[in-house]
Amino acid sequence: MKVDQLSIFLENRAGRLAEVTRILSEAGVNIRALSLADTSDFGILRLIVSDFDTAKTKLKDEGFTVGRTSVVAVEVTDEPGGLHNILSMLQNAGINVEYMYAFVQQSGDSAVLIFRFDRTDQGIELLQKNDIAIVPGDKLYTL
């Protein structure tokens, strides 16, 4: 139920993000979701990609610092209150959302959100217990 996310350390300078996308493009790796957080000196690029192992290898070969993080992809009804219901459930269980970002689907009645929890296994159990759809990695890569 966990999804492998690439976390890439980037110096905050012109062209560095384009280097990452060039490497992935040349390797035939598709970016499915991304988040970029930055400071004045560096950023952390978080990616869900179609081929984690190839992306990690190619980026490391080009000198990037790359890590693996387990995240959870959750399908949420695309209507007012959909996200709030999940966040309230997590809050009531004492599970912290360290960060999250959205995954864009081509069509459908739901949105997919990527969550990083402080207690991932407990978060998954809670979501399953409450019949919240968790999107497995193999499905996420092909949506």
C-alpha atoms as a PDB file:
ATOM      1  CA  MET A   1       0.000   0.000   0.000  1.00  0.00           C
ATOM      2  CA  LYS A   2       3.032   2.264   0.241  1.00  0.00           C
ATOM      3  CA  VAL A   3       4.376   4.116  -2.784  1.00  0.00           C
ATOM      4  CA  ASP A   4       8.059   4.796  -3.388  1.00  0.00           C
ATOM      5  CA  GLN A   5       8.789   8.493  -3.747  1.00  0.00           C
ATOM      6  CA  LEU A   6      12.062   9.946  -4.989  1.00  0.00           C
ATOM      7  CA  SER A   7      13.379  12.792  -2.849  1.00  0.00           C
ATOM      8  CA  ILE A   8      16.043  14.788  -4.667  1.00  0.00           C
ATOM      9  CA  PHE A   9      18.228  17.490  -3.138  1.00  0.00           C
ATOM     10  CA  LEU A  10      18.599  20.441  -5.525  1.00  0.00           C
ATOM     11  CA  GLU A  11      20.783  23.507  -5.304  1.00  0.00           C
ATOM     12  CA  ASN A  12      18.588  26.547  -5.819  1.00  0.00           C
ATOM     13  CA  ARG A  13      20.085  27.760  -9.083  1.00  0.00           C
ATOM     14  CA  ALA A  14      18.842  28.282 -12.626  1.00  0.00           C
ATOM     15  CA  GLY A  15      18.572  25.135 -14.711  1.00  0.00           C
ATOM     16  CA  ARG A  16      18.973  22.549 -11.951  1.00  0.00           C
ATOM     17  CA  LEU A  17      15.334  21.404 -12.171  1.00  0.00           C
ATOM     18  CA  ALA A  18      15.619  21.196 -15.966  1.00  0.00           C
ATOM     19  CA  GLU A  19      18.629  18.880 -15.514  1.00  0.00           C
ATOM     20  CA  VAL A  20      16.463  16.469 -13.544  1.00  0.00           C
ATOM     21  CA  THR A  21      13.701  16.485 -16.136  1.00  0.00           C
ATOM     22  CA  ARG A  22      16.232  16.023 -18.977  1.00  0.00           C
ATOM     23  CA  ILE A  23      17.778  12.979 -17.272  1.00  0.00           C
ATOM     24  CA  LEU A  24      14.379  11.411 -16.639  1.00  0.00           C
ATOM     25  CA  SER A  25      13.158  12.187 -20.149  1.00  0.00           C
ATOM     26  CA  GLU A  26      16.239  10.640 -21.748  1.00  0.00           C
ATOM     27  CA  ALA A  27      15.775   7.554 -19.546  1.00  0.00           C
ATOM     28  CA  GLY A  28      12.128   7.200 -20.608  1.00  0.00           C
ATOM     29  CA  VAL A  29      10.862   7.788 -17.055  1.00  0.00           C
ATOM     30  CA  ASN A  30       7.483   9.494 -16.733  1.00  0.00           C
ATOM     31  CA  ILE A  31       6.802  11.892 -13.855  1.00  0.00           C
ATOM     32  CA  ARG A  32       3.375  11.085 -12.377  1.00  0.00           C
ATOM     33  CA  ALA A  33       3.330  13.571  -9.472  1.00  0.00           C
ATOM     34  CA  LEU A  34       5.702  16.134  -8.018  1.00  0.00           C
ATOM     35  CA  SER A  35       6.229  18.614  -5.247  1.00  0.00           C
ATOM     36  CA  LEU A  36       9.011  21.159  -4.892  1.00  0.00           C
ATOM     37  CA  ALA A  37       9.816  22.886  -1.601  1.00  0.00           C
ATOM     38  CA  ASP A  38      12.648  25.359  -1.451  1.00  0.00           C
ATOM     39  CA  THR A  39      14.677  27.759   0.615  1.00  0.00           C
ATOM     40  CA  SER A  40      16.986  30.453  -0.707  1.00  0.00           C
ATOM     41  CA  ASP A  41      19.851  27.931  -1.010  1.00  0.00           C
ATOM     42  CA  PHE A  42      18.334  24.534  -1.841  1.00  0.00           C
ATOM     43  CA  GLY A  43      15.165  22.642  -2.571  1.00  0.00           C
ATOM     44  CA  ILE A  44      13.719  19.178  -2.137  1.00  0.00           C
ATOM     45  CA  LEU A  45      12.040  17.791  -5.234  1.00  0.00           C
ATOM     46  CA  ARG A  46       9.651  14.942  -4.473  1.00  0.00           C
ATOM     47  CA  LEU A  47       8.596  12.758  -7.391  1.00  0.00           C
ATOM     48  CA  ILE A  48       6.394   9.767  -8.054  1.00  0.00           C
ATOM     49  CA  VAL A  49       7.720   8.254 -11.287  1.00  0.00           C
ATOM     50  CA  SER A  50       6.880   5.386 -13.620  1.00  0.00           C
ATOM     51  CA  ASP A  51      10.209   3.586 -12.982  1.00  0.00           C
ATOM     52  CA  PHE A  52      11.679   4.330  -9.557  1.00  0.00           C
ATOM     53  CA  ASP A  53      14.846   2.236  -9.881  1.00  0.00           C
ATOM     54  CA  THR A  54      15.854   3.626 -13.284  1.00  0.00           C
ATOM     55  CA  ALA A  55      15.180   7.205 -12.155  1.00  0.00           C
ATOM     56  CA  LYS A  56      17.212   6.778  -8.973  1.00  0.00           C
ATOM     57  CA  THR A  57      20.145   5.180 -10.791  1.00  0.00           C
ATOM     58  CA  LYS A  58      20.256   7.742 -13.601  1.00  0.00           C
ATOM     59  CA  LEU A  59      20.011  10.713 -11.236  1.00  0.00           C
ATOM     60  CA  LYS A  60      22.703   9.333  -8.917  1.00  0.00           C
ATOM     61  CA  ASP A  61      24.942   8.686 -11.936  1.00  0.00           C
ATOM     62  CA  GLU A  62      24.595  12.399 -12.779  1.00  0.00           C
ATOM     63  CA  GLY A  63      25.614  13.456  -9.265  1.00  0.00           C
ATOM     64  CA  PHE A  64      22.259  14.127  -7.633  1.00  0.00           C
ATOM     65  CA  THR A  65      21.601  13.212  -4.011  1.00  0.00           C
ATOM     66  CA  VAL A  66      18.550  10.960  -4.151  1.00  0.00           C
ATOM     67  CA  GLY A  67      16.581   9.214  -1.433  1.00  0.00           C
ATOM     68  CA  ARG A  68      13.598   6.888  -1.163  1.00  0.00           C
ATOM     69  CA  THR A  69      10.610   7.821   0.969  1.00  0.00           C
ATOM     70  CA  SER A  70       7.484   5.755   1.546  1.00  0.00           C
ATOM     71  CA  VAL A  71       4.282   7.708   1.008  1.00  0.00           C
ATOM     72  CA  VAL A  72       0.601   6.797   0.747  1.00  0.00           C
ATOM     73  CA  ALA A  73      -1.634   7.658  -2.207  1.00  0.00           C
ATOM     74  CA  VAL A  74      -5.249   8.163  -1.203  1.00  0.00           C
ATOM     75  CA  GLU A  75      -8.237   8.541  -3.485  1.00  0.00           C
ATOM     76  CA  VAL A  76     -10.532  11.294  -2.257  1.00  0.00           C
ATOM     77  CA  THR A  77     -13.966  12.210  -3.518  1.00  0.00           C
ATOM     78  CA  ASP A  78     -13.598  15.414  -5.518  1.00  0.00           C
ATOM     79  CA  GLU A  79     -16.211  17.436  -3.652  1.00  0.00           C
ATOM     80  CA  PRO A  80     -16.252  19.989  -0.837  1.00  0.00           C
ATOM     81  CA  GLY A  81     -15.210  18.345   2.428  1.00  0.00           C
ATOM     82  CA  GLY A  82     -13.494  15.306   0.855  1.00  0.00           C
ATOM     83  CA  LEU A  83     -10.042  16.259   2.122  1.00  0.00           C
ATOM     84  CA  HIS A  84     -11.364  17.588   5.421  1.00  0.00           C
ATOM     85  CA  ASN A  85     -12.980  14.238   6.251  1.00  0.00           C
ATOM     86  CA  ILE A  86      -9.671  12.414   5.862  1.00  0.00           C
ATOM     87  CA  LEU A  87      -7.665  15.030   7.747  1.00  0.00           C
ATOM     88  CA  SER A  88     -10.165  15.012  10.626  1.00  0.00           C
ATOM     89  CA  MET A  89      -9.968  11.231  10.837  1.00  0.00           C
ATOM     90  CA  LEU A  90      -6.161  11.368  10.973  1.00  0.00           C
ATOM     91  CA  GLN A  91      -6.225  14.159  13.555  1.00  0.00           C
ATOM     92  CA  ASN A  92      -8.599  12.208  15.799  1.00  0.00           C
ATOM     93  CA  ALA A  93      -6.214   9.226  15.650  1.00  0.00           C
ATOM     94  CA  GLY A  94      -3.209  11.420  16.499  1.00  0.00           C
ATOM     95  CA  ILE A  95      -1.525  10.825  13.132  1.00  0.00           C
ATOM     96  CA  ASN A  96       0.441  13.789  11.831  1.00  0.00           C
ATOM     97  CA  VAL A  97       0.584  14.685   8.149  1.00  0.00           C
ATOM     98  CA  GLU A  98       4.198  15.732   7.597  1.00  0.00           C
ATOM     99  CA  TYR A  99       3.430  16.885   4.054  1.00  0.00           C
ATOM    100  CA  MET A 100       1.078  16.181   1.181  1.00  0.00           C
ATOM    101  CA  TYR A 101       0.535  17.089  -2.434  1.00  0.00           C
ATOM    102  CA  ALA A 102      -1.955  16.286  -5.180  1.00  0.00           C
ATOM    103  CA  PHE A 103      -1.726  13.855  -8.069  1.00  0.00           C
ATOM    104  CA  VAL A 104      -3.464  14.995 -11.227  1.00  0.00           C
ATOM    105  CA  GLN A 105      -5.657  12.460 -13.013  1.00  0.00           C
ATOM    106  CA  GLN A 106      -6.748  12.815 -16.602  1.00  0.00           C
ATOM    107  CA  SER A 107     -10.400  12.308 -15.739  1.00  0.00           C
ATOM    108  CA  GLY A 108     -12.672  11.023 -13.040  1.00  0.00           C
ATOM    109  CA  ASP A 109     -14.748  11.968 -10.055  1.00  0.00           C
ATOM    110  CA  SER A 110     -11.962  11.791  -7.509  1.00  0.00           C
ATOM    111  CA  ALA A 111      -8.613  13.308  -6.726  1.00  0.00           C
ATOM    112  CA  VAL A 112      -5.518  11.446  -5.569  1.00  0.00           C
ATOM    113  CA  LEU A 113      -3.486  12.925  -2.733  1.00  0.00           C
ATOM    114  CA  ILE A 114       0.006  11.863  -1.724  1.00  0.00           C
ATOM    115  CA  PHE A 115       0.548  11.811   2.063  1.00  0.00           C
ATOM    116  CA  ARG A 116       3.636  11.440   4.212  1.00  0.00           C
ATOM    117  CA  PHE A 117       2.585  10.451   7.737  1.00  0.00           C
ATOM    118  CA  ASP A 118       4.673  10.337  10.893  1.00  0.00           C
ATOM    119  CA  ARG A 119       3.267   6.815  11.472  1.00  0.00           C
ATOM    120  CA  THR A 120       2.724   5.422   7.991  1.00  0.00           C
ATOM    121  CA  ASP A 121       1.546   1.918   8.911  1.00  0.00           C
ATOM    122  CA  GLN A 122      -0.989   3.258  11.423  1.00  0.00           C
ATOM    123  CA  GLY A 123      -2.187   5.775   8.848  1.00  0.00           C
ATOM    124  CA  ILE A 124      -2.760   3.010   6.302  1.00  0.00           C
ATOM    125  CA  GLU A 125      -4.624   0.885   8.854  1.00  0.00           C
ATOM    126  CA  LEU A 126      -6.879   3.809   9.787  1.00  0.00           C
ATOM    127  CA  LEU A 127      -7.669   4.635   6.166  1.00  0.00           C
ATOM    128  CA  GLN A 128      -8.466   1.010   5.350  1.00  0.00           C
ATOM    129  CA  LYS A 129     -10.633   0.635   8.458  1.00  0.00           C
ATOM    130  CA  ASN A 130     -12.658   3.644   7.272  1.00  0.00           C
ATOM    131  CA  ASP A 131     -12.983   2.377   3.682  1.00  0.00           C
ATOM    132  CA  ILE A 132     -10.798   5.128   2.220  1.00  0.00           C
ATOM    133  CA  ALA A 133      -9.396   4.002  -1.133  1.00  0.00           C
ATOM    134  CA  ILE A 134      -5.617   3.664  -1.108  1.00  0.00           C
ATOM    135  CA  VAL A 135      -4.048   3.624  -4.561  1.00  0.00           C
ATOM    136  CA  PRO A 136      -1.279   1.037  -4.904  1.00  0.00           C
ATOM    137  CA  GLY A 137       1.929   2.118  -6.613  1.00  0.00           C
ATOM    138  CA  ASP A 138       1.477  -0.055  -9.704  1.00  0.00           C
ATOM    139  CA  LYS A 139      -1.912   1.562 -10.386  1.00  0.00           C
ATOM    140  CA  LEU A 140      -0.645   5.057  -9.574  1.00  0.00           C
ATOM    141  CA  TYR A 141       2.122   4.795 -12.170  1.00  0.00           C
ATOM    142  CA  THR A 142      -0.414   4.066 -14.916  1.00  0.00           C
ATOM    143  CA  LEU A 143      -3.300   6.437 -14.066  1.00  0.00           C
END
